[in-house]
Amino acid sequence: MTVLTLAAAQTILTTALEYCRKGNFLPMAVVVLDARGAVKASASEDGTSLKRFDVAHGKAYGALSLGIGSRSIFKRAKEQAFFVASVTDVVGGSLVPVPGGVLIRDAEGTVIGAVGISGDTSDNDEAAASAGIAASGFKADPGAD
């Protein structure tokens, strides 16, 4: 079984932030979680707001908790608001149902972690997470539209 190493998590983090700077995005917070939901790497750029890390964590943790990228959780929140509200309560409030929480899958498709990014638009957050994951050699799963 593939595990998310610290080196891979740092590659995801560094590449995602480089992607953000090249895109001239607003200041970002990035959180990389392993398959257990433990923080493997994180960073908040200068100028991020106070709770930006918590939002990024909630995107990643929600995706990991439900086993679907946060774009899919966003869609479900619109269609099944009571379900998403209930799951948010079950996971202790650590679920942010908007794009920017991307599952990390290995070559076999197994979920080995998740990345959450917050600071710019949800689409930009998601794109940066996906770029970081690709740079580490894994597959990004942002969820279905």
Protein backbone atom coordinates (compact mmCIF):
# COMPACT_ATOMS: atom_id res chain seq x y z
CA MET A 1 0.00 0.00 0.00
CA THR A 2 1.22 3.46 -0.90
CA VAL A 3 1.60 5.97 1.90
CA LEU A 4 1.88 9.71 1.62
CA THR A 5 5.43 10.55 2.66
CA LEU A 6 6.53 13.83 4.16
CA ALA A 7 8.62 14.48 1.04
CA ALA A 8 5.58 14.01 -1.21
CA ALA A 9 3.45 16.23 1.05
CA GLN A 10 6.10 18.95 0.92
CA THR A 11 6.22 18.69 -2.90
CA ILE A 12 2.44 19.12 -3.02
CA LEU A 13 2.62 22.13 -0.71
CA THR A 14 5.50 23.84 -2.49
CA THR A 15 4.12 23.26 -5.99
CA ALA A 16 0.63 24.40 -5.03
CA LEU A 17 2.00 27.65 -3.62
CA GLU A 18 4.20 28.18 -6.69
CA TYR A 19 1.10 27.68 -8.86
CA CYS A 20 -0.70 30.32 -6.80
CA ARG A 21 2.12 32.84 -7.13
CA LYS A 22 2.35 32.29 -10.90
CA GLY A 23 -1.41 32.86 -11.11
CA ASN A 24 -1.18 35.97 -8.94
CA PHE A 25 -3.76 34.49 -6.56
CA LEU A 26 -4.63 36.03 -3.22
CA PRO A 27 -2.65 34.80 -0.16
CA MET A 28 -3.31 31.11 0.41
CA ALA A 29 -3.39 28.50 3.12
CA VAL A 30 -2.58 24.91 2.16
CA VAL A 31 -3.15 21.78 4.23
CA VAL A 32 -2.00 18.30 3.24
CA LEU A 33 -3.55 15.42 5.20
CA ASP A 34 -2.51 11.78 5.17
CA ALA A 35 -5.03 8.93 4.90
CA ARG A 36 -5.67 9.08 8.66
CA GLY A 37 -6.60 12.75 8.48
CA ALA A 38 -3.44 13.89 10.25
CA VAL A 39 -1.74 17.06 9.03
CA LYS A 40 1.34 16.04 7.05
CA ALA A 41 2.27 19.55 5.85
CA SER A 42 0.73 22.99 5.96
CA ALA A 43 1.52 26.62 5.29
CA SER A 44 -0.27 29.94 5.38
CA GLU A 45 1.14 32.71 3.25
CA ASP A 46 1.69 36.20 4.61
CA GLY A 47 -1.55 38.14 4.42
CA THR A 48 -4.02 35.27 4.82
CA SER A 49 -6.97 35.87 7.08
CA LEU A 50 -7.12 34.41 10.58
CA LYS A 51 -9.24 31.32 9.80
CA ARG A 52 -7.92 30.53 6.32
CA PHE A 53 -6.03 27.45 7.63
CA ASP A 54 -9.26 26.16 9.22
CA VAL A 55 -11.15 26.57 5.95
CA ALA A 56 -8.41 24.74 4.01
CA HIS A 57 -8.36 21.99 6.64
CA GLY A 58 -12.16 21.68 6.49
CA LYS A 59 -12.07 21.24 2.72
CA ALA A 60 -9.46 18.47 2.93
CA TYR A 61 -10.93 16.79 6.02
CA GLY A 62 -14.44 16.81 4.57
CA ALA A 63 -13.21 15.23 1.34
CA LEU A 64 -11.30 12.58 3.26
CA SER A 65 -14.20 11.93 5.65
CA LEU A 66 -16.69 11.30 2.85
CA GLY A 67 -14.23 9.81 0.36
CA ILE A 68 -15.19 12.31 -2.34
CA GLY A 69 -13.62 15.55 -3.50
CA SER A 70 -15.19 18.68 -2.09
CA ARG A 71 -16.63 19.66 -5.49
CA SER A 72 -18.92 16.63 -5.08
CA ILE A 73 -19.70 17.66 -1.50
CA PHE A 74 -20.61 21.13 -2.82
CA LYS A 75 -23.03 19.55 -5.28
CA ARG A 76 -24.54 17.38 -2.53
CA ALA A 77 -24.89 20.40 -0.25
CA LYS A 78 -27.09 22.04 -2.85
CA GLU A 79 -29.16 18.87 -3.37
CA GLN A 80 -29.09 17.38 0.15
CA ALA A 81 -28.47 20.24 2.56
CA PHE A 82 -29.66 18.30 5.61
CA PHE A 83 -27.28 15.42 4.88
CA VAL A 84 -24.24 17.70 4.54
CA ALA A 85 -25.23 19.65 7.65
CA SER A 86 -25.53 16.37 9.58
CA VAL A 87 -22.17 15.08 8.38
CA THR A 88 -20.58 18.41 9.28
CA ASP A 89 -21.83 17.89 12.81
CA VAL A 90 -20.61 14.28 12.87
CA VAL A 91 -17.07 15.32 11.91
CA GLY A 92 -16.97 18.01 14.56
CA GLY A 93 -17.59 20.93 12.24
CA SER A 94 -14.50 20.21 10.12
CA LEU A 95 -16.24 20.05 6.76
CA VAL A 96 -16.29 22.94 4.31
CA PRO A 97 -18.53 21.98 1.37
CA VAL A 98 -16.96 24.01 -1.44
CA PRO A 99 -14.35 23.14 -4.10
CA GLY A 100 -10.73 23.21 -3.00
CA GLY A 101 -10.62 19.89 -1.12
CA VAL A 102 -8.95 17.36 -3.40
CA LEU A 103 -8.34 13.69 -2.68
CA ILE A 104 -4.88 12.25 -3.36
CA ARG A 105 -5.07 8.86 -5.08
CA ASP A 106 -2.20 6.48 -5.80
CA ALA A 107 -1.72 4.56 -9.06
CA GLU A 108 -4.25 1.93 -7.97
CA GLY A 109 -6.85 4.57 -7.12
CA THR A 110 -6.54 4.21 -3.35
CA VAL A 111 -7.06 7.39 -1.34
CA ILE A 112 -3.81 8.17 0.48
CA GLY A 113 -4.63 11.69 1.64
CA ALA A 114 -6.24 14.99 0.74
CA VAL A 115 -5.25 18.58 0.08
CA GLY A 116 -7.27 21.61 1.09
CA ILE A 117 -6.52 25.09 -0.15
CA SER A 118 -8.25 28.35 0.66
CA GLY A 119 -7.64 31.97 -0.14
CA ASP A 120 -8.77 32.71 -3.67
CA THR A 121 -11.79 31.51 -5.64
CA SER A 122 -12.77 27.90 -5.04
CA ASP A 123 -11.87 27.02 -8.64
CA ASN A 124 -8.39 28.52 -8.21
CA ASP A 125 -7.96 26.76 -4.86
CA GLU A 126 -8.86 23.45 -6.50
CA ALA A 127 -6.55 24.01 -9.48
CA ALA A 128 -3.60 24.75 -7.19
CA ALA A 129 -4.27 21.60 -5.14
CA SER A 130 -4.48 19.52 -8.31
CA ALA A 131 -1.19 20.98 -9.62
CA GLY A 132 0.57 20.09 -6.37
CA ILE A 133 -0.79 16.55 -6.38
CA ALA A 134 0.24 16.00 -10.02
CA ALA A 135 3.78 17.22 -9.23
CA SER A 136 4.07 14.54 -6.55
CA GLY A 137 3.23 11.80 -9.04
CA PHE A 138 -0.24 11.06 -7.66
CA LYS A 139 -3.71 11.53 -9.11
CA ALA A 140 -5.92 14.44 -8.05
CA ASP A 141 -9.60 13.71 -7.43
CA PRO A 142 -11.48 17.00 -6.92
CA GLY A 143 -14.91 15.38 -7.24
CA ALA A 144 -17.48 15.54 -9.98
CA ASP A 145 -19.09 18.70 -11.32
